[in-house]
N, C-alpha and C. Protein backbone atom coordinates (compact mmCIF):
# COMPACT_ATOMS: atom_id res chain seq x y z
N MET A 1 -7.88 6.99 -0.66
CA MET A 1 -8.33 5.69 -0.22
C MET A 1 -8.83 5.87 1.22
N LYS A 2 -10.07 5.43 1.43
CA LYS A 2 -10.69 5.65 2.73
C LYS A 2 -11.31 4.34 3.23
N LEU A 3 -10.99 3.98 4.46
CA LEU A 3 -11.57 2.78 5.06
C LEU A 3 -13.06 3.01 5.29
N ILE A 4 -13.89 2.07 4.82
CA ILE A 4 -15.33 2.22 5.04
C ILE A 4 -15.93 1.09 5.87
N LYS A 5 -15.22 -0.05 5.93
CA LYS A 5 -15.73 -1.16 6.72
C LYS A 5 -14.56 -2.07 7.09
N GLN A 6 -14.62 -2.61 8.31
CA GLN A 6 -13.54 -3.47 8.75
C GLN A 6 -14.05 -4.52 9.73
N THR A 7 -13.58 -5.73 9.53
CA THR A 7 -13.79 -6.81 10.49
C THR A 7 -12.41 -7.37 10.80
N LYS A 8 -12.33 -8.34 11.67
CA LYS A 8 -11.02 -8.92 11.97
C LYS A 8 -10.40 -9.59 10.74
N GLY A 9 -11.25 -10.05 9.82
CA GLY A 9 -10.76 -10.79 8.66
C GLY A 9 -10.54 -9.99 7.40
N ARG A 10 -11.17 -8.82 7.27
CA ARG A 10 -11.03 -8.08 6.02
C ARG A 10 -11.26 -6.58 6.21
N ARG A 11 -10.77 -5.85 5.23
CA ARG A 11 -10.91 -4.39 5.22
C ARG A 11 -11.48 -3.99 3.87
N VAL A 12 -12.43 -3.07 3.89
CA VAL A 12 -13.03 -2.57 2.66
C VAL A 12 -12.75 -1.07 2.60
N PHE A 13 -12.13 -0.66 1.50
CA PHE A 13 -11.79 0.74 1.28
C PHE A 13 -12.61 1.28 0.13
N GLN A 14 -12.85 2.58 0.18
CA GLN A 14 -13.40 3.27 -0.99
C GLN A 14 -12.21 3.92 -1.67
N ILE A 15 -12.12 3.69 -2.97
CA ILE A 15 -11.00 4.22 -3.74
C ILE A 15 -11.56 4.84 -5.02
N THR A 16 -11.13 6.04 -5.34
CA THR A 16 -11.64 6.70 -6.53
C THR A 16 -11.03 6.05 -7.77
N ARG A 17 -11.61 6.34 -8.91
CA ARG A 17 -11.08 5.80 -10.17
C ARG A 17 -9.63 6.24 -10.37
N ARG A 18 -9.36 7.48 -10.08
CA ARG A 18 -8.00 8.01 -10.26
C ARG A 18 -7.03 7.32 -9.30
N GLU A 19 -7.45 7.14 -8.05
CA GLU A 19 -6.59 6.45 -7.08
C GLU A 19 -6.32 5.01 -7.51
N LYS A 20 -7.34 4.35 -8.05
CA LYS A 20 -7.16 2.98 -8.53
C LYS A 20 -6.14 2.96 -9.68
N GLN A 21 -6.29 3.90 -10.59
CA GLN A 21 -5.36 3.98 -11.72
C GLN A 21 -3.93 4.23 -11.22
N LEU A 22 -3.77 5.13 -10.26
CA LEU A 22 -2.44 5.41 -9.71
C LEU A 22 -1.88 4.19 -8.97
N LEU A 23 -2.73 3.50 -8.21
CA LEU A 23 -2.31 2.29 -7.51
C LEU A 23 -1.78 1.26 -8.50
N PHE A 24 -2.51 1.02 -9.57
CA PHE A 24 -2.08 0.05 -10.57
C PHE A 24 -0.75 0.46 -11.20
N GLU A 25 -0.60 1.74 -11.51
CA GLU A 25 0.65 2.23 -12.11
C GLU A 25 1.83 2.05 -11.16
N ILE A 26 1.63 2.40 -9.90
CA ILE A 26 2.69 2.29 -8.90
C ILE A 26 3.07 0.83 -8.69
N LEU A 27 2.08 -0.05 -8.61
CA LEU A 27 2.36 -1.46 -8.35
C LEU A 27 3.10 -2.15 -9.50
N LYS A 28 3.03 -1.55 -10.70
CA LYS A 28 3.79 -2.09 -11.83
C LYS A 28 5.30 -1.99 -11.60
N LEU A 29 5.71 -1.11 -10.70
CA LEU A 29 7.13 -0.93 -10.42
C LEU A 29 7.74 -2.09 -9.62
N TYR A 30 6.89 -2.86 -8.97
CA TYR A 30 7.40 -3.94 -8.11
C TYR A 30 8.04 -5.05 -8.93
N PRO A 31 9.18 -5.57 -8.50
CA PRO A 31 10.04 -5.15 -7.40
C PRO A 31 10.98 -4.03 -7.86
N LEU A 32 11.30 -3.15 -6.94
CA LEU A 32 12.11 -1.99 -7.31
C LEU A 32 13.46 -1.95 -6.58
N ILE A 33 13.52 -2.49 -5.38
CA ILE A 33 14.81 -2.48 -4.67
C ILE A 33 15.75 -3.45 -5.39
N PRO A 34 16.93 -2.98 -5.78
CA PRO A 34 17.88 -3.90 -6.42
C PRO A 34 18.25 -5.03 -5.46
N ILE A 35 18.32 -6.24 -5.98
CA ILE A 35 18.65 -7.39 -5.12
C ILE A 35 20.00 -7.17 -4.43
N ALA A 36 20.94 -6.56 -5.11
CA ALA A 36 22.27 -6.33 -4.52
C ALA A 36 22.21 -5.38 -3.33
N HIS A 37 21.12 -4.65 -3.18
CA HIS A 37 20.95 -3.73 -2.04
C HIS A 37 20.82 -4.52 -0.74
N HIS A 38 20.32 -5.74 -0.82
CA HIS A 38 20.15 -6.60 0.35
C HIS A 38 21.46 -7.33 0.60
N ARG A 39 22.10 -7.00 1.70
CA ARG A 39 23.39 -7.60 2.03
C ARG A 39 23.27 -8.38 3.34
N LEU A 40 23.91 -9.53 3.40
CA LEU A 40 23.96 -10.29 4.65
C LEU A 40 24.67 -9.47 5.72
N SER A 41 25.73 -8.79 5.29
CA SER A 41 26.51 -7.98 6.22
C SER A 41 27.20 -6.87 5.43
N ARG A 42 27.21 -5.71 5.99
CA ARG A 42 27.90 -4.59 5.35
C ARG A 42 29.36 -4.52 5.81
N THR A 43 29.68 -5.26 6.87
CA THR A 43 31.03 -5.18 7.42
C THR A 43 31.86 -6.44 7.19
N ALA A 44 31.22 -7.57 6.96
CA ALA A 44 31.96 -8.82 6.77
C ALA A 44 32.70 -8.82 5.43
N ASP A 45 33.73 -9.62 5.36
CA ASP A 45 34.51 -9.78 4.14
C ASP A 45 33.60 -10.38 3.06
N ALA A 46 33.47 -9.70 1.95
CA ALA A 46 32.57 -10.14 0.87
C ALA A 46 32.92 -11.52 0.35
N ASP A 47 34.21 -11.84 0.27
CA ASP A 47 34.61 -13.17 -0.22
C ASP A 47 34.19 -14.27 0.75
N ALA A 48 34.25 -13.98 2.04
CA ALA A 48 33.93 -14.98 3.06
C ALA A 48 32.44 -15.35 3.06
N ILE A 49 31.60 -14.41 2.68
CA ILE A 49 30.15 -14.68 2.71
C ILE A 49 29.54 -14.77 1.32
N GLU A 50 30.39 -14.89 0.32
CA GLU A 50 29.91 -14.88 -1.07
C GLU A 50 28.85 -15.95 -1.34
N ALA A 51 29.08 -17.17 -0.90
CA ALA A 51 28.12 -18.26 -1.15
C ALA A 51 26.80 -17.98 -0.43
N ASP A 52 26.88 -17.51 0.81
CA ASP A 52 25.67 -17.20 1.56
C ASP A 52 24.91 -16.02 0.94
N GLN A 53 25.66 -15.04 0.46
CA GLN A 53 25.04 -13.89 -0.20
C GLN A 53 24.31 -14.34 -1.46
N ARG A 54 24.92 -15.24 -2.21
CA ARG A 54 24.30 -15.76 -3.42
C ARG A 54 23.00 -16.50 -3.08
N LEU A 55 23.00 -17.28 -1.99
CA LEU A 55 21.79 -17.96 -1.54
C LEU A 55 20.70 -16.96 -1.17
N LEU A 56 21.08 -15.89 -0.49
CA LEU A 56 20.12 -14.85 -0.13
C LEU A 56 19.51 -14.25 -1.39
N GLU A 57 20.33 -13.94 -2.36
CA GLU A 57 19.85 -13.33 -3.60
C GLU A 57 18.93 -14.26 -4.37
N GLU A 58 19.25 -15.55 -4.38
CA GLU A 58 18.39 -16.53 -5.05
C GLU A 58 17.04 -16.64 -4.35
N ALA A 59 17.06 -16.67 -3.02
CA ALA A 59 15.82 -16.74 -2.25
C ALA A 59 14.97 -15.49 -2.47
N LEU A 60 15.62 -14.34 -2.49
CA LEU A 60 14.90 -13.08 -2.73
C LEU A 60 14.29 -13.07 -4.13
N ALA A 61 15.04 -13.52 -5.11
CA ALA A 61 14.53 -13.56 -6.48
C ALA A 61 13.30 -14.45 -6.57
N GLU A 62 13.35 -15.60 -5.92
CA GLU A 62 12.21 -16.52 -5.92
C GLU A 62 11.00 -15.91 -5.21
N ARG A 63 11.24 -15.26 -4.07
CA ARG A 63 10.15 -14.62 -3.32
C ARG A 63 9.52 -13.49 -4.14
N ARG A 64 10.35 -12.71 -4.80
CA ARG A 64 9.85 -11.62 -5.64
C ARG A 64 9.00 -12.15 -6.79
N LYS A 65 9.46 -13.24 -7.37
CA LYS A 65 8.71 -13.85 -8.47
C LYS A 65 7.33 -14.28 -7.98
N GLU A 66 7.27 -14.90 -6.82
CA GLU A 66 6.00 -15.34 -6.23
C GLU A 66 5.13 -14.12 -5.87
N ASN A 67 5.75 -13.10 -5.28
CA ASN A 67 5.00 -11.88 -4.95
C ASN A 67 4.41 -11.23 -6.19
N ARG A 68 5.20 -11.20 -7.25
CA ARG A 68 4.73 -10.60 -8.51
C ARG A 68 3.52 -11.36 -9.04
N LYS A 69 3.58 -12.69 -8.97
CA LYS A 69 2.47 -13.52 -9.41
C LYS A 69 1.21 -13.23 -8.56
N GLN A 70 1.39 -13.14 -7.25
CA GLN A 70 0.27 -12.84 -6.35
C GLN A 70 -0.28 -11.44 -6.60
N LEU A 71 0.60 -10.52 -6.90
CA LEU A 71 0.19 -9.14 -7.17
C LEU A 71 -0.68 -9.08 -8.42
N ILE A 72 -0.27 -9.75 -9.45
CA ILE A 72 -1.06 -9.80 -10.69
C ILE A 72 -2.42 -10.45 -10.42
N ALA A 73 -2.41 -11.53 -9.66
CA ALA A 73 -3.67 -12.21 -9.33
C ALA A 73 -4.59 -11.29 -8.53
N MET A 74 -4.02 -10.54 -7.60
CA MET A 74 -4.82 -9.62 -6.80
C MET A 74 -5.44 -8.53 -7.66
N LEU A 75 -4.65 -7.96 -8.54
CA LEU A 75 -5.13 -6.85 -9.35
C LEU A 75 -6.13 -7.28 -10.41
N THR A 76 -6.07 -8.53 -10.82
CA THR A 76 -7.00 -9.00 -11.86
C THR A 76 -8.21 -9.73 -11.28
N ASP A 77 -8.27 -9.89 -9.96
CA ASP A 77 -9.41 -10.52 -9.30
C ASP A 77 -10.62 -9.61 -9.47
N GLU A 78 -11.65 -10.08 -10.17
CA GLU A 78 -12.81 -9.24 -10.47
C GLU A 78 -13.59 -8.83 -9.23
N ASN A 79 -13.41 -9.54 -8.12
CA ASN A 79 -14.11 -9.19 -6.89
C ASN A 79 -13.31 -8.24 -5.99
N ARG A 80 -12.08 -7.94 -6.38
CA ARG A 80 -11.21 -7.08 -5.57
C ARG A 80 -11.66 -5.62 -5.62
N PHE A 81 -11.99 -5.14 -6.80
CA PHE A 81 -12.43 -3.75 -7.00
C PHE A 81 -13.83 -3.80 -7.58
N VAL A 82 -14.80 -3.46 -6.76
CA VAL A 82 -16.20 -3.50 -7.19
C VAL A 82 -16.68 -2.06 -7.36
N ALA A 83 -17.22 -1.77 -8.54
CA ALA A 83 -17.70 -0.42 -8.83
C ALA A 83 -18.80 -0.04 -7.84
N ALA A 84 -18.70 1.20 -7.35
CA ALA A 84 -19.69 1.74 -6.42
C ALA A 84 -19.87 3.22 -6.75
N GLY A 85 -20.76 3.50 -7.70
CA GLY A 85 -20.93 4.88 -8.16
C GLY A 85 -19.71 5.33 -8.95
N ASP A 86 -19.16 6.46 -8.55
CA ASP A 86 -17.97 7.00 -9.22
C ASP A 86 -16.68 6.42 -8.67
N ALA A 87 -16.77 5.52 -7.70
CA ALA A 87 -15.59 4.97 -7.04
C ALA A 87 -15.63 3.44 -7.08
N PHE A 88 -14.77 2.85 -6.30
CA PHE A 88 -14.70 1.39 -6.18
C PHE A 88 -14.62 1.01 -4.72
N ARG A 89 -15.09 -0.17 -4.41
CA ARG A 89 -14.88 -0.79 -3.10
C ARG A 89 -13.71 -1.75 -3.30
N PHE A 90 -12.65 -1.50 -2.56
CA PHE A 90 -11.42 -2.26 -2.65
C PHE A 90 -11.31 -3.10 -1.38
N THR A 91 -11.36 -4.43 -1.52
CA THR A 91 -11.39 -5.33 -0.36
C THR A 91 -10.11 -6.14 -0.27
N VAL A 92 -9.53 -6.18 0.94
CA VAL A 92 -8.35 -6.99 1.21
C VAL A 92 -8.51 -7.68 2.56
N SER A 93 -7.94 -8.86 2.64
CA SER A 93 -7.94 -9.58 3.92
C SER A 93 -6.86 -8.96 4.82
N ALA A 94 -6.87 -9.35 6.09
CA ALA A 94 -5.84 -8.87 7.01
C ALA A 94 -4.46 -9.31 6.52
N HIS A 95 -4.35 -10.55 6.06
CA HIS A 95 -3.07 -11.06 5.54
C HIS A 95 -2.64 -10.28 4.30
N GLN A 96 -3.58 -10.00 3.41
CA GLN A 96 -3.26 -9.26 2.19
C GLN A 96 -2.86 -7.81 2.51
N THR A 97 -3.44 -7.25 3.56
CA THR A 97 -3.07 -5.90 3.98
C THR A 97 -1.60 -5.87 4.37
N ASP A 98 -1.19 -6.83 5.17
CA ASP A 98 0.20 -6.94 5.61
C ASP A 98 1.13 -7.13 4.41
N TRP A 99 0.74 -8.01 3.51
CA TRP A 99 1.53 -8.30 2.32
C TRP A 99 1.62 -7.06 1.41
N LEU A 100 0.50 -6.36 1.24
CA LEU A 100 0.49 -5.16 0.41
C LEU A 100 1.39 -4.08 1.01
N LEU A 101 1.43 -3.98 2.32
CA LEU A 101 2.35 -3.04 2.97
C LEU A 101 3.80 -3.36 2.59
N GLN A 102 4.15 -4.63 2.54
CA GLN A 102 5.51 -5.03 2.16
C GLN A 102 5.81 -4.67 0.71
N ILE A 103 4.84 -4.89 -0.17
CA ILE A 103 5.02 -4.55 -1.59
C ILE A 103 5.22 -3.04 -1.74
N LEU A 104 4.37 -2.27 -1.09
CA LEU A 104 4.47 -0.81 -1.15
C LEU A 104 5.79 -0.33 -0.57
N ASN A 105 6.25 -0.99 0.49
CA ASN A 105 7.52 -0.59 1.09
C ASN A 105 8.68 -0.86 0.14
N ASP A 106 8.63 -1.97 -0.59
CA ASP A 106 9.66 -2.25 -1.58
C ASP A 106 9.70 -1.14 -2.63
N ILE A 107 8.55 -0.72 -3.09
CA ILE A 107 8.49 0.33 -4.11
C ILE A 107 8.96 1.66 -3.53
N ARG A 108 8.56 1.93 -2.30
CA ARG A 108 8.94 3.19 -1.66
C ARG A 108 10.45 3.25 -1.44
N VAL A 109 11.02 2.21 -0.85
CA VAL A 109 12.47 2.19 -0.60
C VAL A 109 13.23 2.12 -1.93
N GLY A 110 12.73 1.34 -2.87
CA GLY A 110 13.37 1.27 -4.18
C GLY A 110 13.39 2.62 -4.88
N SER A 111 12.32 3.38 -4.75
CA SER A 111 12.28 4.73 -5.32
C SER A 111 13.32 5.62 -4.64
N TRP A 112 13.42 5.49 -3.32
CA TRP A 112 14.41 6.26 -2.56
C TRP A 112 15.82 5.92 -3.04
N VAL A 113 16.09 4.63 -3.27
CA VAL A 113 17.40 4.20 -3.78
C VAL A 113 17.63 4.80 -5.17
N LYS A 114 16.61 4.74 -6.04
CA LYS A 114 16.73 5.31 -7.40
C LYS A 114 17.03 6.80 -7.35
N LEU A 115 16.55 7.48 -6.29
CA LEU A 115 16.78 8.92 -6.14
C LEU A 115 18.14 9.22 -5.50
N GLY A 116 18.93 8.18 -5.25
CA GLY A 116 20.26 8.39 -4.69
C GLY A 116 20.30 8.39 -3.18
N CYS A 117 19.30 7.87 -2.53
CA CYS A 117 19.22 7.77 -1.06
C CYS A 117 19.36 9.13 -0.39
N PRO A 118 18.52 10.10 -0.77
CA PRO A 118 18.63 11.43 -0.16
C PRO A 118 18.38 11.37 1.35
N ASP A 119 19.07 12.25 2.09
CA ASP A 119 18.94 12.32 3.54
C ASP A 119 19.22 13.76 3.96
N GLU A 120 18.16 14.54 4.07
CA GLU A 120 18.28 15.97 4.41
C GLU A 120 19.03 16.17 5.73
N GLU A 121 18.75 15.32 6.72
CA GLU A 121 19.35 15.49 8.05
C GLU A 121 20.87 15.31 8.03
N HIS A 122 21.39 14.57 7.06
CA HIS A 122 22.83 14.34 6.97
C HIS A 122 23.45 15.06 5.78
N GLY A 123 22.81 16.13 5.33
CA GLY A 123 23.38 16.97 4.29
C GLY A 123 23.36 16.38 2.90
N LYS A 124 22.44 15.45 2.64
CA LYS A 124 22.35 14.85 1.30
C LYS A 124 20.93 15.10 0.77
N PRO A 125 20.66 16.34 0.33
CA PRO A 125 19.31 16.65 -0.14
C PRO A 125 19.00 15.96 -1.47
N ALA A 126 17.72 15.82 -1.72
CA ALA A 126 17.28 15.25 -3.00
C ALA A 126 17.53 16.28 -4.10
N THR A 127 18.19 15.86 -5.15
CA THR A 127 18.37 16.70 -6.33
C THR A 127 17.63 16.01 -7.46
N LEU A 128 16.49 16.55 -7.79
CA LEU A 128 15.61 15.89 -8.74
C LEU A 128 15.80 16.40 -10.16
N LYS A 129 15.98 15.45 -11.07
CA LYS A 129 15.96 15.75 -12.50
C LYS A 129 14.59 15.31 -13.00
N ASP A 130 14.23 15.70 -14.19
CA ASP A 130 12.91 15.36 -14.72
C ASP A 130 12.62 13.86 -14.65
N GLU A 131 13.62 13.03 -14.98
CA GLU A 131 13.41 11.58 -14.98
C GLU A 131 13.24 11.00 -13.57
N ASP A 132 13.58 11.79 -12.55
CA ASP A 132 13.44 11.34 -11.16
C ASP A 132 12.06 11.60 -10.58
N LEU A 133 11.30 12.47 -11.21
CA LEU A 133 10.00 12.86 -10.65
C LEU A 133 9.05 11.68 -10.50
N TYR A 134 9.10 10.73 -11.41
CA TYR A 134 8.23 9.54 -11.32
C TYR A 134 8.52 8.77 -10.04
N TYR A 135 9.81 8.59 -9.73
CA TYR A 135 10.19 7.85 -8.53
C TYR A 135 9.88 8.66 -7.27
N TYR A 136 10.03 9.96 -7.35
CA TYR A 136 9.68 10.80 -6.20
C TYR A 136 8.18 10.68 -5.93
N PHE A 137 7.38 10.76 -6.97
CA PHE A 137 5.93 10.61 -6.81
C PHE A 137 5.59 9.22 -6.28
N ALA A 138 6.22 8.18 -6.82
CA ALA A 138 5.96 6.80 -6.37
C ALA A 138 6.29 6.66 -4.88
N MET A 139 7.41 7.24 -4.47
CA MET A 139 7.81 7.16 -3.06
C MET A 139 6.76 7.83 -2.17
N GLU A 140 6.32 9.01 -2.56
CA GLU A 140 5.34 9.75 -1.76
C GLU A 140 3.96 9.09 -1.78
N TYR A 141 3.55 8.58 -2.92
CA TYR A 141 2.23 7.94 -3.02
C TYR A 141 2.20 6.63 -2.22
N CYS A 142 3.29 5.89 -2.26
CA CYS A 142 3.38 4.67 -1.45
C CYS A 142 3.28 5.01 0.03
N PHE A 143 3.91 6.11 0.42
CA PHE A 143 3.81 6.56 1.82
C PHE A 143 2.36 6.81 2.21
N LEU A 144 1.62 7.51 1.36
CA LEU A 144 0.21 7.79 1.65
C LEU A 144 -0.62 6.51 1.74
N LEU A 145 -0.38 5.58 0.82
CA LEU A 145 -1.10 4.30 0.85
C LEU A 145 -0.74 3.50 2.09
N GLN A 146 0.53 3.50 2.45
CA GLN A 146 0.95 2.79 3.65
C GLN A 146 0.29 3.39 4.90
N CYS A 147 0.21 4.70 4.95
CA CYS A 147 -0.45 5.35 6.09
C CYS A 147 -1.92 4.95 6.17
N ALA A 148 -2.59 4.91 5.03
CA ALA A 148 -4.01 4.51 5.00
C ALA A 148 -4.16 3.07 5.48
N LEU A 149 -3.29 2.18 5.04
CA LEU A 149 -3.36 0.78 5.46
C LEU A 149 -2.99 0.62 6.94
N LEU A 150 -1.95 1.30 7.35
CA LEU A 150 -1.50 1.18 8.75
C LEU A 150 -2.53 1.75 9.73
N SER A 151 -3.25 2.77 9.31
CA SER A 151 -4.25 3.36 10.21
C SER A 151 -5.35 2.36 10.57
N THR A 152 -5.53 1.34 9.74
CA THR A 152 -6.57 0.35 10.02
C THR A 152 -6.18 -0.56 11.17
N PHE A 153 -4.89 -0.66 11.46
CA PHE A 153 -4.45 -1.50 12.57
C PHE A 153 -4.84 -0.91 13.91
N ASP A 154 -4.94 0.41 14.00
CA ASP A 154 -5.37 1.07 15.24
C ASP A 154 -6.81 0.75 15.57
N ASP A 155 -7.62 0.51 14.55
CA ASP A 155 -9.04 0.32 14.74
C ASP A 155 -9.41 -1.08 15.20
N LEU A 156 -8.48 -2.02 15.11
CA LEU A 156 -8.78 -3.40 15.52
C LEU A 156 -8.55 -3.58 17.01
N SER A 157 -9.46 -4.21 17.67
CA SER A 157 -9.30 -4.46 19.10
C SER A 157 -9.32 -5.93 19.37
């Protein structure tokens, strides 16, 4: 995915057919972070914050549902991916760029959680089984997409 045009209001990327296919496959994973992973507090007494935790989980579920709906709308918008030779022009607004970064981050962190939260620096290396390779690839591909999107923020003045 390569930025080809940018204004304050929108970004236009060139994306190959294969990249588009991979993007669609990866985005199907959303949402991936388990709701229980989001805790109000890791140190507070669970019984004392149970009602508040339940409210957080309900709000997250509702937000995810809305995000999923927006994601489907984005991917099915016929003007979002316009054929340009062997590739596509992929257009997103500044707001959609920010939102897409959040979606990709959910998939990336969710993949990391599915892989058992590996942490090489603290002696917890990734031990991949065949069924884990999909999540490892999703985590790495989301990282690349996030880098491509984040690099566009440097170009705005």
